[in-house]
């Protein structure tokens, strides 16, 4: 009977140790999941920043294209004016 009681106590101790180990594993997994969630959140924020930067670059390129078109129009007008003046002076 003594041996059975010792075996039961040992079994109970082993079960308690196993439960503690499982609890520690679960805690470690929860911490890892929290860390992974932070990484995913940071990646999402970085992706959003990239999208905003790309949008800003597109807007800047559009503005530069409009400015180039305005300059081309002005240059064309200047060329026509110079040509008209040259024709007038040549006449």
N, C-alpha and C. Protein backbone atom coordinates (compact mmCIF):
# COMPACT_ATOMS: atom_id res chain seq x y z
N UNK A 1 0.82 -1.19 0.00
CA UNK A 1 0.00 0.00 0.00
C UNK A 1 0.87 1.26 0.00
N UNK A 2 1.95 1.20 0.75
CA UNK A 2 2.88 2.33 0.82
C UNK A 2 3.40 2.68 -0.57
N UNK A 3 3.73 1.68 -1.33
CA UNK A 3 4.27 1.89 -2.67
C UNK A 3 3.21 2.53 -3.58
N UNK A 4 1.99 2.12 -3.46
CA UNK A 4 0.91 2.70 -4.26
C UNK A 4 0.72 4.18 -3.93
N UNK A 5 0.80 4.53 -2.65
CA UNK A 5 0.66 5.93 -2.25
C UNK A 5 1.79 6.76 -2.82
N UNK A 6 3.01 6.23 -2.80
CA UNK A 6 4.15 6.94 -3.36
C UNK A 6 3.99 7.12 -4.86
N UNK A 7 3.49 6.09 -5.50
CA UNK A 7 3.27 6.17 -6.94
C UNK A 7 2.22 7.22 -7.26
N UNK A 8 1.16 7.26 -6.45
CA UNK A 8 0.10 8.25 -6.65
C UNK A 8 0.66 9.65 -6.45
N UNK A 9 1.47 9.83 -5.38
CA UNK A 9 2.06 11.14 -5.13
C UNK A 9 3.00 11.55 -6.27
N UNK A 10 3.79 10.60 -6.73
CA UNK A 10 4.70 10.88 -7.83
C UNK A 10 3.91 11.23 -9.09
N UNK A 11 2.83 10.50 -9.32
CA UNK A 11 1.98 10.78 -10.47
C UNK A 11 1.35 12.16 -10.36
N UNK A 12 0.92 12.52 -9.16
CA UNK A 12 0.32 13.84 -8.95
C UNK A 12 1.37 14.93 -9.16
N UNK A 13 2.57 14.70 -8.63
CA UNK A 13 3.64 15.68 -8.81
C UNK A 13 3.98 15.82 -10.29
N UNK A 14 4.03 14.71 -10.98
CA UNK A 14 4.32 14.75 -12.41
C UNK A 14 3.22 15.49 -13.16
N UNK A 15 1.98 15.26 -12.78
CA UNK A 15 0.87 15.95 -13.43
C UNK A 15 0.94 17.46 -13.16
N UNK A 16 1.29 17.83 -11.93
CA UNK A 16 1.43 19.25 -11.59
C UNK A 16 2.57 19.87 -12.40
N UNK A 17 3.69 19.16 -12.48
CA UNK A 17 4.82 19.66 -13.27
C UNK A 17 4.44 19.79 -14.74
N UNK A 18 3.70 18.82 -15.24
CA UNK A 18 3.27 18.87 -16.64
C UNK A 18 2.33 20.06 -16.85
N UNK A 19 1.43 20.28 -15.91
CA UNK A 19 0.51 21.41 -16.01
C UNK A 19 1.27 22.72 -15.98
N UNK A 20 2.27 22.80 -15.11
CA UNK A 20 3.10 24.02 -15.05
C UNK A 20 3.85 24.22 -16.36
N UNK A 21 4.39 23.14 -16.89
CA UNK A 21 5.12 23.24 -18.15
C UNK A 21 4.19 23.68 -19.28
N UNK A 22 2.98 23.14 -19.29
CA UNK A 22 2.01 23.54 -20.30
C UNK A 22 1.63 25.02 -20.15
N UNK A 23 1.46 25.44 -18.91
CA UNK A 23 1.13 26.84 -18.66
C UNK A 23 2.27 27.75 -19.12
N UNK A 24 3.50 27.36 -18.85
CA UNK A 24 4.65 28.15 -19.28
C UNK A 24 4.74 28.19 -20.80
N UNK A 25 4.48 27.05 -21.42
CA UNK A 25 4.49 26.99 -22.89
C UNK A 25 3.41 27.90 -23.46
N UNK A 26 2.22 27.85 -22.88
CA UNK A 26 1.12 28.70 -23.34
C UNK A 26 1.47 30.17 -23.16
N UNK A 27 2.10 30.52 -22.05
CA UNK A 27 2.51 31.90 -21.80
C UNK A 27 3.54 32.34 -22.85
N UNK A 28 4.51 31.47 -23.12
CA UNK A 28 5.54 31.80 -24.12
C UNK A 28 4.91 31.96 -25.51
N UNK A 29 3.95 31.10 -25.83
CA UNK A 29 3.28 31.21 -27.12
C UNK A 29 2.47 32.51 -27.22
N UNK A 30 1.85 32.89 -26.12
CA UNK A 30 1.08 34.14 -26.11
C UNK A 30 2.02 35.34 -26.31
N UNK A 31 3.17 35.32 -25.66
CA UNK A 31 4.14 36.40 -25.83
C UNK A 31 4.65 36.45 -27.26
N UNK A 32 4.90 35.27 -27.84
CA UNK A 32 5.37 35.22 -29.23
C UNK A 32 4.29 35.75 -30.17
N UNK A 33 3.04 35.41 -29.90
CA UNK A 33 1.93 35.89 -30.73
C UNK A 33 1.80 37.40 -30.63
N UNK A 34 1.98 37.95 -29.43
CA UNK A 34 1.92 39.40 -29.25
C UNK A 34 3.05 40.08 -30.02
N UNK A 35 4.25 39.49 -29.95
CA UNK A 35 5.39 40.05 -30.68
C UNK A 35 5.13 39.99 -32.19
N UNK A 36 4.59 38.88 -32.65
CA UNK A 36 4.28 38.75 -34.08
C UNK A 36 3.22 39.77 -34.50
N UNK A 37 2.24 40.00 -33.64
CA UNK A 37 1.20 40.99 -33.95
C UNK A 37 1.82 42.38 -34.08
N UNK A 38 2.78 42.70 -33.22
CA UNK A 38 3.45 44.00 -33.30
C UNK A 38 4.23 44.12 -34.61
N UNK A 39 4.88 43.03 -35.01
CA UNK A 39 5.64 43.04 -36.27
C UNK A 39 4.69 43.24 -37.44
N UNK A 40 3.58 42.52 -37.45
CA UNK A 40 2.60 42.65 -38.53
C UNK A 40 2.04 44.07 -38.57
N UNK A 41 1.77 44.63 -37.42
CA UNK A 41 1.25 46.00 -37.36
C UNK A 41 2.29 46.98 -37.92
N UNK A 42 3.55 46.79 -37.54
CA UNK A 42 4.61 47.67 -38.05
C UNK A 42 4.74 47.53 -39.56
N UNK A 43 4.61 46.30 -40.07
CA UNK A 43 4.68 46.09 -41.52
C UNK A 43 3.51 46.78 -42.22
N UNK A 44 2.34 46.71 -41.63
CA UNK A 44 1.17 47.37 -42.22
C UNK A 44 1.37 48.88 -42.25
N UNK A 45 1.91 49.43 -41.17
CA UNK A 45 2.17 50.87 -41.13
C UNK A 45 3.22 51.27 -42.16
N UNK A 46 4.25 50.44 -42.32
CA UNK A 46 5.28 50.72 -43.32
C UNK A 46 4.69 50.66 -44.72
N UNK A 47 3.83 49.68 -44.97
CA UNK A 47 3.19 49.57 -46.28
C UNK A 47 2.31 50.79 -46.55
N UNK A 48 1.60 51.25 -45.54
CA UNK A 48 0.76 52.44 -45.70
C UNK A 48 1.62 53.66 -46.01
N UNK A 49 2.76 53.77 -45.34
CA UNK A 49 3.67 54.89 -45.60
C UNK A 49 4.20 54.83 -47.03
N UNK A 50 4.49 53.62 -47.51
CA UNK A 50 4.95 53.48 -48.90
C UNK A 50 3.86 53.89 -49.89
N UNK A 51 2.63 53.51 -49.60
CA UNK A 51 1.51 53.89 -50.47
C UNK A 51 1.38 55.41 -50.50
N UNK A 52 1.46 56.04 -49.34
CA UNK A 52 1.35 57.49 -49.28
C UNK A 52 2.51 58.17 -50.01
N UNK A 53 3.72 57.61 -49.87
CA UNK A 53 4.87 58.17 -50.57
C UNK A 53 4.70 58.03 -52.08
N UNK A 54 4.20 56.89 -52.53
CA UNK A 54 3.98 56.68 -53.96
C UNK A 54 2.93 57.66 -54.48
N UNK A 55 1.89 57.87 -53.70
CA UNK A 55 0.85 58.82 -54.10
C UNK A 55 1.44 60.23 -54.21
N UNK A 56 2.26 60.61 -53.24
CA UNK A 56 2.88 61.93 -53.27
C UNK A 56 3.81 62.07 -54.48
N UNK A 57 4.54 61.01 -54.79
CA UNK A 57 5.42 61.05 -55.97
C UNK A 57 4.60 61.19 -57.25
N UNK A 58 3.48 60.49 -57.32
CA UNK A 58 2.62 60.59 -58.51
C UNK A 58 2.07 62.00 -58.66
N UNK A 59 1.64 62.59 -57.54
CA UNK A 59 1.14 63.96 -57.59
C UNK A 59 2.24 64.93 -58.01
N UNK A 60 3.44 64.71 -57.50
CA UNK A 60 4.57 65.56 -57.86
C UNK A 60 4.90 65.43 -59.34
N UNK A 61 4.89 64.20 -59.84
CA UNK A 61 5.17 63.97 -61.26
C UNK A 61 4.11 64.65 -62.13
N UNK A 62 2.87 64.58 -61.70
CA UNK A 62 1.79 65.23 -62.44
C UNK A 62 2.00 66.75 -62.46
N UNK A 63 2.36 67.31 -61.32
CA UNK A 63 2.59 68.76 -61.24
C UNK A 63 3.78 69.15 -62.11
N UNK A 64 4.84 68.33 -62.12
CA UNK A 64 6.00 68.63 -62.97
C UNK A 64 5.62 68.56 -64.45
N UNK A 65 4.78 67.59 -64.80
CA UNK A 65 4.33 67.47 -66.19
C UNK A 65 3.52 68.69 -66.60
N UNK A 66 2.65 69.15 -65.72
CA UNK A 66 1.87 70.36 -66.02
C UNK A 66 2.78 71.58 -66.17
N UNK A 67 3.78 71.67 -65.29
CA UNK A 67 4.72 72.79 -65.38
C UNK A 67 5.52 72.73 -66.68
N UNK A 68 5.93 71.53 -67.07
CA UNK A 68 6.66 71.38 -68.33
C UNK A 68 5.79 71.77 -69.52
N UNK A 69 4.52 71.39 -69.46
CA UNK A 69 3.60 71.75 -70.55
C UNK A 69 3.41 73.27 -70.62
N UNK A 70 3.28 73.90 -69.46
CA UNK A 70 3.15 75.36 -69.42
C UNK A 70 4.39 76.03 -70.00
N UNK A 71 5.57 75.51 -69.62
CA UNK A 71 6.82 76.07 -70.15
C UNK A 71 6.90 75.86 -71.66
N UNK A 72 6.49 74.69 -72.14
CA UNK A 72 6.51 74.43 -73.58
C UNK A 72 5.58 75.39 -74.31
N UNK A 73 4.39 75.61 -73.75
CA UNK A 73 3.45 76.55 -74.37
C UNK A 73 4.03 77.96 -74.41
N UNK A 74 4.64 78.38 -73.31
CA UNK A 74 5.25 79.71 -73.24
C UNK A 74 6.37 79.83 -74.26
N UNK A 75 7.20 78.77 -74.36
CA UNK A 75 8.31 78.79 -75.31
C UNK A 75 7.80 78.87 -76.74
N UNK A 76 6.72 78.15 -77.03
CA UNK A 76 6.12 78.21 -78.36
C UNK A 76 5.62 79.63 -78.67
N UNK A 77 4.98 80.23 -77.70
CA UNK A 77 4.49 81.60 -77.87
C UNK A 77 5.65 82.55 -78.12
N UNK A 78 6.72 82.39 -77.36
CA UNK A 78 7.90 83.24 -77.54
C UNK A 78 8.49 83.05 -78.94
N UNK A 79 8.54 81.80 -79.39
CA UNK A 79 9.08 81.52 -80.72
C UNK A 79 8.22 82.16 -81.81
N UNK A 80 6.90 82.05 -81.66
CA UNK A 80 5.99 82.67 -82.64
C UNK A 80 6.13 84.19 -82.64
N UNK A 81 6.27 84.76 -81.46
CA UNK A 81 6.43 86.21 -81.34
C UNK A 81 7.74 86.64 -81.99
N UNK A 82 8.80 85.89 -81.73
CA UNK A 82 10.10 86.21 -82.32
C UNK A 82 10.05 86.09 -83.84
N UNK A 83 9.36 85.06 -84.31
CA UNK A 83 9.23 84.86 -85.77
C UNK A 83 8.45 86.02 -86.40
N UNK A 84 7.36 86.41 -85.75
CA UNK A 84 6.56 87.53 -86.27
C UNK A 84 7.37 88.81 -86.29
N UNK A 85 8.16 89.02 -85.24
CA UNK A 85 9.01 90.21 -85.19
C UNK A 85 10.07 90.17 -86.29
N UNK A 86 10.67 89.01 -86.48
CA UNK A 86 11.68 88.86 -87.54
C UNK A 86 11.08 89.11 -88.91
N UNK A 87 9.87 88.58 -89.13
CA UNK A 87 9.20 88.80 -90.42
C UNK A 87 8.89 90.28 -90.62
N UNK A 88 8.47 90.94 -89.56
CA UNK A 88 8.13 92.36 -89.64
C UNK A 88 9.38 93.19 -89.94
N UNK A 89 10.49 92.84 -89.29
CA UNK A 89 11.73 93.57 -89.50
C UNK A 89 12.29 93.30 -90.90
N UNK A 90 12.05 92.12 -91.41
CA UNK A 90 12.56 91.76 -92.74
C UNK A 90 11.77 92.42 -93.85
N UNK A 91 10.53 92.81 -93.56
CA UNK A 91 9.66 93.39 -94.60
C UNK A 91 10.00 94.82 -94.90
